[in-house]
Structures are given as structure tokens and as C-alpha cells.
Amino acid sequence: MSKNPYRQDREELKELLHQYDNLKSGRQHSFLDEDAFEKIIEYFDEREELAHAIEAADLAIEQYPYSSSLLLQKSDLLIATKKYKEALYFLQQAESLDYSDINLYILKTDVYLALDQQEKAAAVLETALNFFDGDEKIELLFELVDVYDDYENFDKVFDCLQIILQLEPNNEEALYKICFWTDFTGRNEEGIRLHQKIIDDFPFNELAWFNLAAAYQGIKLYEKAIDAYQYAVAIDEKFDYAYRNMGDAYLRLRKYKEAIEVLQKVLELARPEEVIYEAIGHCFDKLQNFAQARFYYRKATHLNQENSQLFYKIACTYMNEYVWESAIKNLETAMRIYKMQPEYNLAMGQCYMEMGNIETAVQYFGNVVRNKPKNINGWLELLKCLYKANCFDEGAEYVNHALALTNQKPIFYIYKCAFLLALGKSKDAMLQLEIGLDKNPRLVKKLLELNPAVLQNQMAVDVIARFKKYKSK
């Protein structure tokens, strides 16, 4: 055996190329067999010297006109040079000589796809499936997956992957792909049955457990999903995607402590990600551990300084702790990225209102209603702010705009009542109160939140009592 097979192959190829040059030049006693021609064509193809490769293929076919493998090589080169119809002619010649070569069908598929004839490409592969078994059938099914994906027949994509897994249950590529397509097509029940069958036969297949869990998650059976993910990580304790998805399932169940535990496991196993830090921050937020929530939101901002929502969420943690100055600082950062976001302006207005800076608060609430005139919360905050500042005339004017722009939401009749009462217009105020309570009697609570002293007004008490009596009946 040669000590340097690579050098031997190189010398052999050098000799073949020399013989090929002699043959082209018409020198006597030059002869190349079919296998030699294939190597020469492949040599030029790998060096991307396609013109020389095609020239060699033409000479080879001239010498061996009944060689299907040489015809396939020529077809492949024609496809590479975008001569699709010519390639199809040579493929038909090759098929008449030998229809059992899988490359024939793959190349025909490539031609039809290049010609934007996806249905013909699919038909070629569907026919070819009848001629092959084992690995070759699996290969054709994967080709068919790509074709169906190309012309957006997504249910057929799922069908092909399902067939592959029925033939070869531990095929990793198919297991990875079908997880996505199960979710995309919504065929979760079929996915559950398929993976349960795989697990019955191969109980230590962690990808099958993962896919089973994802299918359960797709139909909101989060407890079952978590059980299956736990099997997956028991088999492969470094399966970070299983921990990630398990964290999402715990979040959906509002089990925030458990979610934190598994999401922190993701951070141990994989590179830090903004979305994981943010999810952990969200969990601490829900647990009202605002300091820890900020800690993780800030870690997320280190990975993405342009995500304004992260700074907004940090601001909200400060607002929950009544630390208005720090909330404003983070809202200012968020608004440098996205200045007119209504959510940020609303929060900024709330902070300034709590600090007693009513004029600035009104400016921010004004931004909200200008940019989102149908946003009920924006109008409510603006009106509350005006009421708190004793700006009753302005409030009575703005409440009319709110009614007009929000399709006369009942809450604004209640607010109009409050402003009119403050202006001493009791009869008009009672009319607005009746309209509002007639639409929604429960809104009396909103009036009392805005002005508890309304219970000292006998006319208002009578109207409220009448609707309360009506509601009880």
C-alpha cells in the first residue's frame, strides 16, 4: 500500500490529463476509458472551468454515446451554465439508457425548479419514489420536501417528513425539520401520534421527546409539554432548547419561579441571549421582585442597546416602587430610540403627574392622544390630569373630543359629569351621569375614584341609587 495515496492520486490524474491532451490533439495510441473521462470532467468542474468540463464531456460522449453516467455529467454542467432545455434533452437520453440512477431524477428536478415548474419537479420525484428503497428513497423524500416548500405546499412538506420518520424513526434531519412544520401547519395532533409511536419504539430518542413536547405546547397542553421536555433533558442534560421551551411553558402557566430556574439553565448551557434575559426579568417582574427584574432587563440591554422596550420595562419597575425620577431617566432613554411611542409618553405623563408637575404631564398625555386619538387610556390619563390640576373648563372641552373620537365610550360621560359638577353645572352633569350609567351601571366606581365627594351631592346620590335599584332588579 502506498504511504502517500493523495500523491498517487495526483500523479494518476496528471497522467490522465496528459492522455486527454494527446487525445484532443489527435495523437496516436491515446485511449481513455469511461471512468477516466468522468474523473477528467470532475476535475475541470471542481476547478470551475466549466467550458473545459463541457468540452471534455462532449468528447467523452462522442467516444461512449451509450454511457448514461456521462450524459448525466453533461446535463449537470448544462444546468450549471443555465442551459436548462438542452440539459433536459440529455437527461431524456440518459433515462432511455438507465432509469435506475437516482441522480437522473435529482437533476431533472433541478431543471424544472430552475424553469419555475415546481409541479413538474414534484411529479418527477413522486414517480421516482416507486423505483427506490432505503437511503435513496429517503434522499428523494428530502428533495421532495424542498420542492413542496418551494411552491408553498406546506402540508405536503409535513407528509413527506412523516413518511421519512415512518421509514427511519431516528433520522435526525427529519426530526429537526418536522418540529417546525408541525407548528407551522398546525398539525399538532398528528405530530403527537407520530412521536408517541417513535418513543414507544425508541424511548431514549431525545429529539422525539422534544418534538412531542412542542406539539403539546402547540395545542396549549403546557403541563404535558413540560413532562415531555423533562424526559428530553433527562436523556440529554445539555439540551438547551428543551430548557428554553420549558421556560416558555412555565411562563404560560404563570409558574414564574420554575420558569426562572429552567431559563437560568439555558444561560449556563448556551451563549447569553437578550430574549432569555428579558424573559427572566419578566418573571421577577411578575413576582414583584423589581430589583432582580431590573438586573436582568439591564443584562438584556447590554446585548441590545436599541431595544427601547427594555428601558421602558426598567422604568415600569421603578414606577411600581414609586421612584419617579429613575423611571423618567429610563423612559428618556427609551424615547431617544422611539420618541413618539404612545406607551412611553403615557408612562412619562404618569410620572410627572405623580410628581405634581401637571403642565409637563399634560404635554406627554397630549402626545398620546395626538398620535393615537382612539386610544382610550391616553384620553383617561389626560382628563384625570386636568381634573387633578383643577383645569375644569379645559377638561370639559377635551372630554367632548374624547367622546367624538372613541365612538362615545360610556366612561367619558362619567368624566364629563365630573367636570360639569366641578363647574357647578349640576343639571347638565346629572344628564351625563344618567347616560353613562344607562350604558354601564358599574362605571359609578370610576366617578367615585375621580371624585369621592360626589356622594355629598344629593342629586348624584339619587341618580346612582336609581340605577343601583334598577341593576338589582
Protein backbone atom coordinates (compact mmCIF):
# COMPACT_ATOMS: atom_id res chain seq x y z
CA MET A 1 0.00 0.00 0.00
CA SER A 2 1.27 3.50 -0.88
CA LYS A 3 2.41 5.63 2.03
CA ASN A 4 1.04 8.72 0.27
CA PRO A 5 -2.24 7.88 -1.51
CA TYR A 6 -3.00 11.58 -2.15
CA ARG A 7 0.24 11.98 -4.10
CA GLN A 8 -0.51 8.77 -6.01
CA ASP A 9 -3.98 10.08 -6.98
CA ARG A 10 -2.46 13.36 -8.07
CA GLU A 11 0.08 11.60 -10.26
CA GLU A 12 -2.65 9.42 -11.74
CA LEU A 13 -4.78 12.47 -12.56
CA LYS A 14 -1.77 14.22 -14.09
CA GLU A 15 -1.25 11.23 -16.37
CA LEU A 16 -4.96 11.17 -17.32
CA LEU A 17 -4.86 14.85 -18.24
CA HIS A 18 -1.75 14.22 -20.36
CA GLN A 19 -3.52 11.39 -22.18
CA TYR A 20 -6.58 13.62 -22.60
CA ASP A 21 -4.45 16.33 -24.24
CA ASN A 22 -2.97 13.73 -26.58
CA LEU A 23 -6.47 12.53 -27.50
CA LYS A 24 -7.64 16.07 -28.21
CA SER A 25 -4.55 16.66 -30.34
CA GLY A 26 -5.23 13.51 -32.33
CA ARG A 27 -2.01 11.79 -31.36
CA GLN A 28 -1.95 8.06 -31.94
CA HIS A 29 -2.35 5.38 -29.29
CA SER A 30 -4.25 7.68 -26.95
CA PHE A 31 -7.14 5.96 -25.23
CA LEU A 32 -9.29 6.86 -22.22
CA ASP A 33 -11.90 4.63 -20.67
CA GLU A 34 -15.28 5.85 -19.40
CA ASP A 35 -14.12 6.10 -15.79
CA ALA A 36 -11.11 8.21 -16.82
CA PHE A 37 -13.35 10.67 -18.67
CA GLU A 38 -15.57 11.01 -15.58
CA LYS A 39 -12.51 11.91 -13.48
CA ILE A 40 -11.32 14.49 -16.00
CA ILE A 41 -14.76 16.12 -16.24
CA GLU A 42 -14.97 16.20 -12.45
CA TYR A 43 -11.50 17.78 -12.27
CA PHE A 44 -12.49 20.69 -14.52
CA ASP A 45 -15.87 21.03 -12.77
CA GLU A 46 -14.25 21.31 -9.32
CA ARG A 47 -11.90 24.00 -10.63
CA GLU A 48 -14.97 25.81 -12.04
CA GLU A 49 -13.54 25.58 -15.56
CA LEU A 50 -16.97 24.79 -16.94
CA ALA A 51 -16.14 25.40 -20.59
CA HIS A 52 -13.29 22.85 -20.40
CA ALA A 53 -15.54 20.45 -18.47
CA ILE A 54 -18.24 20.63 -21.17
CA GLU A 55 -15.61 20.15 -23.87
CA ALA A 56 -14.38 17.01 -22.09
CA ALA A 57 -17.95 15.78 -21.66
CA ASP A 58 -18.64 16.24 -25.39
CA LEU A 59 -15.52 14.29 -26.31
CA ALA A 60 -16.41 11.58 -23.81
CA ILE A 61 -19.98 11.18 -25.16
CA GLU A 62 -18.56 11.04 -28.67
CA GLN A 63 -16.43 8.07 -27.54
CA TYR A 64 -19.18 6.49 -25.33
CA PRO A 65 -22.59 7.58 -26.69
CA TYR A 66 -24.46 4.96 -24.60
CA SER A 67 -22.99 5.96 -21.23
CA SER A 68 -25.82 7.26 -19.04
CA SER A 69 -23.36 8.48 -16.38
CA LEU A 70 -21.53 10.68 -18.91
CA LEU A 71 -24.85 12.04 -20.18
CA LEU A 72 -25.77 12.90 -16.58
CA GLN A 73 -22.45 14.69 -16.10
CA LYS A 74 -23.07 16.71 -19.25
CA SER A 75 -26.58 17.56 -18.04
CA ASP A 76 -25.23 18.71 -14.69
CA LEU A 77 -22.78 21.05 -16.43
CA LEU A 78 -25.51 22.45 -18.67
CA ILE A 79 -27.65 23.18 -15.60
CA ALA A 80 -24.68 24.99 -14.02
CA THR A 81 -24.45 27.15 -17.17
CA LYS A 82 -28.26 27.71 -17.17
CA LYS A 83 -28.86 25.81 -20.43
CA TYR A 84 -31.91 24.09 -18.99
CA LYS A 85 -33.71 22.89 -22.12
CA GLU A 86 -30.51 21.42 -23.52
CA ALA A 87 -29.90 19.72 -20.17
CA LEU A 88 -33.40 18.22 -20.29
CA TYR A 89 -32.64 16.74 -23.74
CA PHE A 90 -29.55 14.93 -22.41
CA LEU A 91 -31.43 13.78 -19.31
CA GLN A 92 -34.09 12.18 -21.50
CA GLN A 93 -31.34 10.39 -23.41
CA ALA A 94 -29.82 9.15 -20.13
CA GLU A 95 -33.24 7.97 -18.91
CA SER A 96 -33.75 5.87 -22.04
CA LEU A 97 -30.47 4.10 -21.25
CA ASP A 98 -30.82 3.71 -17.46
CA TYR A 99 -33.73 4.90 -15.35
CA SER A 100 -32.31 3.43 -12.11
CA ASP A 101 -29.79 6.20 -11.35
CA ILE A 102 -31.11 8.49 -8.61
CA ASN A 103 -29.07 11.41 -9.97
CA LEU A 104 -31.26 11.39 -13.10
CA TYR A 105 -34.32 12.37 -11.07
CA ILE A 106 -32.49 14.88 -8.91
CA LEU A 107 -31.09 16.65 -11.98
CA LYS A 108 -34.50 16.66 -13.69
CA THR A 109 -35.92 18.20 -10.55
CA ASP A 110 -33.22 20.90 -10.63
CA VAL A 111 -34.13 21.72 -14.25
CA TYR A 112 -37.86 22.06 -13.57
CA LEU A 113 -37.24 24.16 -10.48
CA ALA A 114 -34.93 26.45 -12.48
CA LEU A 115 -37.70 26.77 -15.10
CA ASP A 116 -40.16 27.62 -12.29
CA GLN A 117 -42.15 24.46 -12.97
CA GLN A 118 -42.45 23.18 -9.41
CA GLU A 119 -45.36 20.85 -10.07
CA LYS A 120 -43.38 19.01 -12.75
CA ALA A 121 -40.42 18.79 -10.36
CA ALA A 122 -42.68 17.25 -7.71
CA ALA A 123 -44.14 14.80 -10.24
CA VAL A 124 -40.64 13.62 -11.21
CA LEU A 125 -39.75 12.85 -7.61
CA GLU A 126 -43.13 11.26 -6.83
CA THR A 127 -42.61 8.88 -9.75
CA ALA A 128 -39.02 8.16 -8.72
CA LEU A 129 -40.14 7.07 -5.24
CA ASN A 130 -41.58 3.93 -6.83
CA PHE A 131 -38.14 2.83 -8.07
CA PHE A 132 -36.05 3.20 -4.91
CA ASP A 133 -35.82 1.92 -1.36
CA GLY A 134 -33.65 2.55 1.70
CA ASP A 135 -31.29 5.53 1.76
CA GLU A 136 -32.07 6.51 -1.82
CA LYS A 137 -35.79 6.74 -1.09
CA ILE A 138 -35.04 8.88 1.97
CA GLU A 139 -32.86 11.15 -0.18
CA LEU A 140 -35.65 11.58 -2.73
CA LEU A 141 -38.17 12.36 0.00
CA PHE A 142 -35.90 15.13 1.31
CA GLU A 143 -35.66 16.51 -2.24
CA LEU A 144 -39.45 16.43 -2.39
CA VAL A 145 -39.63 18.30 0.93
CA ASP A 146 -37.61 21.14 -0.65
CA VAL A 147 -39.79 21.19 -3.77
CA TYR A 148 -43.05 21.35 -1.81
CA ASP A 149 -41.55 24.07 0.37
CA ASP A 150 -40.55 25.99 -2.77
CA TYR A 151 -44.08 26.17 -4.11
CA GLU A 152 -45.64 26.52 -0.66
CA ASN A 153 -47.49 23.24 -0.40
CA PHE A 154 -46.68 23.06 3.29
CA ASP A 155 -48.99 20.18 4.21
CA LYS A 156 -47.13 18.04 1.67
CA VAL A 157 -43.86 19.03 3.35
CA PHE A 158 -45.22 17.65 6.62
CA ASP A 159 -46.46 14.50 4.84
CA CYS A 160 -43.02 13.77 3.36
CA LEU A 161 -41.24 14.25 6.67
CA GLN A 162 -43.79 11.97 8.32
CA ILE A 163 -43.10 9.26 5.73
CA ILE A 164 -39.34 9.61 6.30
CA LEU A 165 -39.82 9.10 10.03
CA GLN A 166 -42.06 6.12 9.46
CA LEU A 167 -39.27 4.60 7.36
CA GLU A 168 -36.41 5.79 9.56
CA PRO A 169 -37.66 6.92 13.01
CA ASN A 170 -34.25 8.13 14.23
CA ASN A 171 -33.49 10.33 11.22
CA GLU A 172 -32.15 13.47 12.90
CA GLU A 173 -32.63 15.79 9.94
CA ALA A 174 -36.29 14.83 9.62
CA LEU A 175 -36.83 15.13 13.39
CA TYR A 176 -35.35 18.63 13.40
CA LYS A 177 -37.40 19.73 10.40
CA ILE A 178 -40.75 18.24 11.37
CA CYS A 179 -40.75 20.13 14.66
CA PHE A 180 -41.00 23.42 12.75
CA TRP A 181 -43.51 22.14 10.21
CA THR A 182 -45.78 20.61 12.84
CA ASP A 183 -46.14 24.04 14.41
CA PHE A 184 -46.33 25.87 11.06
CA THR A 185 -49.11 23.66 9.64
CA GLY A 186 -50.91 23.32 12.98
CA ARG A 187 -50.93 19.53 12.66
CA ASN A 188 -50.05 19.06 16.30
CA GLU A 189 -52.35 16.09 16.95
CA GLU A 190 -50.70 14.14 14.11
CA GLY A 191 -47.31 15.19 15.43
CA ILE A 192 -48.23 13.85 18.87
CA ARG A 193 -49.29 10.47 17.47
CA LEU A 194 -46.19 10.20 15.27
CA HIS A 195 -43.74 10.97 18.06
CA GLN A 196 -45.53 8.80 20.60
CA LYS A 197 -45.04 5.88 18.19
CA ILE A 198 -41.34 6.73 17.79
CA ILE A 199 -40.92 6.95 21.57
CA ASP A 200 -42.66 3.60 22.04
CA ASP A 201 -40.00 2.02 19.83
CA PHE A 202 -37.06 4.26 20.79
CA PRO A 203 -37.68 5.61 24.31
CA PHE A 204 -34.25 7.31 24.54
CA ASN A 205 -34.69 9.49 21.46
CA GLU A 206 -34.46 12.97 23.00
CA LEU A 207 -35.47 14.73 19.75
CA ALA A 208 -38.71 12.71 19.64
CA TRP A 209 -39.45 13.73 23.23
CA PHE A 210 -38.69 17.37 22.35
CA ASN A 211 -40.97 17.28 19.30
CA LEU A 212 -43.73 15.60 21.32
CA ALA A 213 -43.44 18.38 23.91
CA ALA A 214 -43.52 21.09 21.23
CA ALA A 215 -46.66 19.55 19.72
CA TYR A 216 -48.35 19.55 23.13
CA GLN A 217 -47.26 23.15 23.54
CA GLY A 218 -48.82 23.94 20.15
CA ILE A 219 -52.26 22.96 21.48
CA LYS A 220 -51.66 24.65 24.86
CA LEU A 221 -51.29 21.44 26.87
CA TYR A 222 -48.45 23.02 28.81
CA GLU A 223 -48.31 20.51 31.69
CA LYS A 224 -47.91 17.61 29.24
CA ALA A 225 -45.35 19.63 27.29
CA ILE A 226 -43.29 20.20 30.44
CA ASP A 227 -43.37 16.47 31.27
CA ALA A 228 -42.06 15.61 27.79
CA TYR A 229 -39.35 18.30 27.93
CA GLN A 230 -38.22 16.86 31.26
CA TYR A 231 -37.76 13.47 29.60
CA ALA A 232 -35.73 15.16 26.84
CA VAL A 233 -33.37 16.84 29.31
CA ALA A 234 -33.12 13.66 31.39
CA ILE A 235 -31.73 11.93 28.28
CA ASP A 236 -29.58 14.92 27.24
CA GLU A 237 -28.91 17.22 30.19
CA LYS A 238 -27.33 19.82 27.86
CA PHE A 239 -30.40 20.14 25.62
CA ASP A 240 -30.67 23.93 25.90
CA TYR A 241 -33.62 24.29 23.51
CA ALA A 242 -35.68 21.94 25.67
CA TYR A 243 -34.97 24.12 28.72
CA ARG A 244 -35.81 27.23 26.68
CA ASN A 245 -39.19 25.88 25.56
CA MET A 246 -39.90 24.50 29.02
CA GLY A 247 -39.35 28.01 30.37
CA ASP A 248 -41.95 29.33 27.93
CA ALA A 249 -44.43 26.64 29.03
CA TYR A 250 -43.93 27.57 32.70
CA LEU A 251 -44.46 31.22 31.78
CA ARG A 252 -47.76 30.34 30.11
CA LEU A 253 -48.81 28.60 33.31
CA ARG A 254 -47.65 31.64 35.33
CA LYS A 255 -45.24 29.44 37.25
CA TYR A 256 -42.59 32.13 37.34
CA LYS A 257 -40.21 30.56 39.87
CA GLU A 258 -39.99 27.35 37.82
CA ALA A 259 -39.56 29.40 34.63
CA ILE A 260 -36.65 31.31 36.16
CA GLU A 261 -34.95 28.06 37.16
CA VAL A 262 -35.03 26.50 33.69
CA LEU A 263 -34.24 29.76 31.86
CA GLN A 264 -31.15 30.21 34.03
CA LYS A 265 -30.17 26.70 32.92
CA VAL A 266 -30.33 27.97 29.32
CA LEU A 267 -27.85 30.71 30.25
CA GLU A 268 -25.49 28.07 31.66
CA LEU A 269 -25.64 25.93 28.50
CA ALA A 270 -25.80 28.44 25.65
CA ARG A 271 -24.48 31.85 24.70
CA PRO A 272 -26.28 34.72 26.50
CA GLU A 273 -29.30 35.99 24.61
CA GLU A 274 -31.31 39.16 25.02
CA VAL A 275 -34.63 37.28 24.87
CA ILE A 276 -33.64 34.93 27.73
CA TYR A 277 -32.51 37.78 30.00
CA GLU A 278 -35.72 39.64 29.19
CA ALA A 279 -37.87 36.57 29.95
CA ILE A 280 -36.17 36.08 33.33
CA GLY A 281 -36.64 39.78 34.06
CA HIS A 282 -40.33 39.43 33.20
CA CYS A 283 -40.66 36.54 35.67
CA PHE A 284 -39.10 38.54 38.50
CA ASP A 285 -41.35 41.46 37.50
CA LYS A 286 -44.42 39.25 37.92
CA LEU A 287 -43.09 38.07 41.29
CA GLN A 288 -42.78 41.77 42.26
CA ASN A 289 -39.05 41.39 42.79
CA PHE A 290 -38.38 44.59 40.91
CA ALA A 291 -34.67 44.88 41.75
CA GLN A 292 -33.96 41.45 40.21
CA ALA A 293 -36.22 42.24 37.26
CA ARG A 294 -34.12 45.36 36.57
CA PHE A 295 -30.91 43.34 36.90
CA TYR A 296 -31.94 41.01 34.06
CA TYR A 297 -33.52 43.71 31.91
CA ARG A 298 -30.22 45.60 32.14
CA LYS A 299 -28.29 42.48 31.11
CA ALA A 300 -30.57 42.33 28.07
CA THR A 301 -29.81 45.97 27.23
CA HIS A 302 -26.08 45.18 27.24
CA LEU A 303 -26.77 42.83 24.32
CA ASN A 304 -29.10 45.23 22.51
CA GLN A 305 -28.92 48.96 23.23
CA GLU A 306 -31.57 49.66 20.57
CA ASN A 307 -34.45 47.77 22.19
CA SER A 308 -36.49 50.65 23.63
CA GLN A 309 -38.95 48.24 25.28
CA LEU A 310 -36.25 47.06 27.68
CA PHE A 311 -35.70 50.59 29.00
CA TYR A 312 -39.48 51.04 29.26
CA LYS A 313 -39.72 47.84 31.33
CA ILE A 314 -36.94 49.06 33.62
CA ALA A 315 -38.87 52.32 34.01
CA CYS A 316 -42.03 50.39 34.93
CA THR A 317 -40.18 48.59 37.75
CA TYR A 318 -39.24 51.98 39.20
CA MET A 319 -42.82 53.21 38.78
CA ASN A 320 -44.03 50.19 40.75
CA GLU A 321 -41.68 51.31 43.53
CA TYR A 322 -42.76 54.99 43.20
CA VAL A 323 -39.20 56.03 42.26
CA TRP A 324 -40.35 58.53 39.67
CA GLU A 325 -37.00 60.21 38.86
CA SER A 326 -35.33 56.91 37.97
CA ALA A 327 -38.38 55.88 35.93
CA ILE A 328 -38.18 59.16 33.98
CA LYS A 329 -34.47 58.65 33.30
CA ASN A 330 -35.10 55.25 31.71
CA LEU A 331 -38.14 56.50 29.81
CA GLU A 332 -35.98 59.27 28.36
CA THR A 333 -33.56 56.60 27.10
CA ALA A 334 -36.46 54.64 25.57
CA MET A 335 -37.78 57.79 23.90
CA ARG A 336 -34.41 58.63 22.39
CA ILE A 337 -34.87 55.40 20.42
CA TYR A 338 -38.61 55.73 19.76
CA LYS A 339 -39.74 59.23 20.66
CA MET A 340 -43.48 59.20 19.96
CA GLN A 341 -44.32 55.71 21.23
CA PRO A 342 -47.69 56.28 22.97
CA GLU A 343 -46.89 53.77 25.74
CA TYR A 344 -43.73 55.68 26.70
CA ASN A 345 -45.43 59.09 26.60
CA LEU A 346 -48.26 57.75 28.74
CA ALA A 347 -45.81 56.45 31.37
CA MET A 348 -43.85 59.72 31.29
CA GLY A 349 -47.06 61.68 31.84
CA GLN A 350 -47.99 59.44 34.78
CA CYS A 351 -44.57 60.00 36.39
CA TYR A 352 -44.79 63.81 36.09
CA MET A 353 -48.38 63.76 37.32
CA GLU A 354 -47.32 61.79 40.41
CA MET A 355 -44.54 64.32 40.99
CA GLY A 356 -47.04 67.18 40.80
CA ASN A 357 -45.66 68.59 37.54
CA ILE A 358 -49.06 68.79 35.89
CA GLU A 359 -48.07 71.04 32.98
CA THR A 360 -45.38 68.62 31.77
CA ALA A 361 -47.69 65.65 32.38
CA VAL A 362 -50.36 67.24 30.16
CA GLN A 363 -47.79 67.66 27.37
CA TYR A 364 -46.97 63.95 27.38
CA PHE A 365 -50.61 62.88 27.58
CA GLY A 366 -51.27 65.28 24.72
CA ASN A 367 -48.65 63.44 22.64
CA VAL A 368 -50.55 60.21 23.24
CA VAL A 369 -53.95 61.48 22.13
CA ARG A 370 -52.48 63.29 19.11
CA ASN A 371 -50.74 60.15 17.87
CA LYS A 372 -53.43 57.68 18.96
CA PRO A 373 -56.70 59.65 19.03
CA LYS A 374 -58.75 56.49 19.55
CA ASN A 375 -56.61 55.35 22.48
CA ILE A 376 -58.94 55.36 25.49
CA ASN A 377 -56.16 55.19 28.09
CA GLY A 378 -54.47 58.27 26.69
CA TRP A 379 -57.66 60.31 27.00
CA LEU A 380 -58.39 58.97 30.50
CA GLU A 381 -54.93 59.92 31.78
CA LEU A 382 -55.13 63.36 30.17
CA LEU A 383 -58.56 64.01 31.70
CA LYS A 384 -57.50 62.74 35.13
CA CYS A 385 -54.51 65.03 34.99
CA LEU A 386 -56.65 68.05 34.05
CA TYR A 387 -59.12 67.24 36.83
CA LYS A 388 -56.33 66.92 39.37
CA ALA A 389 -54.99 70.31 38.24
CA ASN A 390 -58.47 71.87 38.61
CA CYS A 391 -58.49 72.65 34.88
CA PHE A 392 -62.22 72.03 34.67
CA ASP A 393 -63.00 74.19 31.62
CA GLU A 394 -60.25 72.53 29.58
CA GLY A 395 -61.35 69.13 30.84
CA ALA A 396 -64.97 69.72 29.81
CA GLU A 397 -63.74 70.70 26.34
CA TYR A 398 -61.35 67.74 25.94
CA VAL A 399 -63.91 65.21 27.16
CA ASN A 400 -66.11 66.17 24.19
CA HIS A 401 -63.19 65.39 21.85
CA ALA A 402 -62.70 62.06 23.64
CA LEU A 403 -66.38 61.13 23.16
CA ALA A 404 -66.26 62.02 19.47
CA LEU A 405 -63.01 60.14 18.77
CA THR A 406 -63.70 56.96 20.78
CA ASN A 407 -67.18 56.22 19.46
CA GLN A 408 -68.79 57.65 22.63
CA LYS A 409 -67.32 55.28 25.18
CA PRO A 410 -69.55 55.38 28.31
CA ILE A 411 -66.63 56.17 30.64
CA PHE A 412 -66.33 59.64 29.11
CA TYR A 413 -69.92 60.54 30.01
CA ILE A 414 -68.91 59.82 33.60
CA TYR A 415 -65.86 62.08 33.27
CA LYS A 416 -67.98 64.77 31.65
CA CYS A 417 -70.32 64.56 34.64
CA ALA A 418 -67.36 65.10 37.00
CA PHE A 419 -66.13 68.19 35.12
CA LEU A 420 -69.62 69.70 34.89
CA LEU A 421 -70.19 69.12 38.60
CA ALA A 422 -66.90 70.87 39.33
CA LEU A 423 -68.07 73.80 37.20
CA GLY A 424 -71.35 73.97 39.18
CA LYS A 425 -73.49 72.74 36.26
CA SER A 426 -75.37 70.12 38.27
CA LYS A 427 -78.34 69.57 35.93
CA ASP A 428 -76.14 69.01 32.87
CA ALA A 429 -73.87 66.84 34.99
CA MET A 430 -76.78 64.61 36.07
CA LEU A 431 -77.84 64.18 32.45
CA GLN A 432 -74.34 62.93 31.54
CA LEU A 433 -74.31 60.66 34.61
CA GLU A 434 -77.62 59.09 33.56
CA ILE A 435 -76.38 58.48 30.02
CA GLY A 436 -73.15 56.87 31.30
CA LEU A 437 -74.83 54.67 33.93
CA ASP A 438 -77.53 53.66 31.49
CA LYS A 439 -74.79 52.27 29.23
CA ASN A 440 -72.80 50.71 32.09
CA PRO A 441 -74.02 50.99 35.72
CA ARG A 442 -70.69 49.73 37.07
CA LEU A 443 -68.99 52.95 35.96
CA VAL A 444 -70.12 54.64 39.15
CA LYS A 445 -66.88 53.29 40.69
CA LYS A 446 -64.86 55.37 38.21
CA LEU A 447 -66.74 58.50 39.23
CA LEU A 448 -66.06 57.84 42.92
CA GLU A 449 -62.34 57.21 42.19
CA LEU A 450 -62.15 60.57 40.44
CA ASN A 451 -64.24 62.48 42.99
CA PRO A 452 -65.29 60.69 46.23
CA ALA A 453 -67.07 63.87 47.33
CA VAL A 454 -69.77 63.23 44.71
CA LEU A 455 -71.65 61.27 47.39
CA GLN A 456 -72.28 64.60 49.14
CA ASN A 457 -74.34 65.73 46.14
CA GLN A 458 -77.93 64.64 46.73
CA MET A 459 -78.88 64.77 43.04
CA ALA A 460 -75.97 62.48 42.18
CA VAL A 461 -76.83 60.12 45.04
CA ASP A 462 -80.42 59.87 43.78
CA VAL A 463 -79.30 59.04 40.22
CA ILE A 464 -76.80 56.44 41.47
CA ALA A 465 -79.42 54.87 43.79
CA ARG A 466 -81.93 54.66 40.95
CA PHE A 467 -79.52 52.78 38.71
CA LYS A 468 -78.40 50.57 41.59
CA LYS A 469 -82.02 49.62 42.23
CA TYR A 470 -82.57 49.03 38.52
CA LYS A 471 -79.45 46.83 38.35
CA SER A 472 -80.56 44.71 41.32
CA LYS A 473 -83.93 44.08 39.65
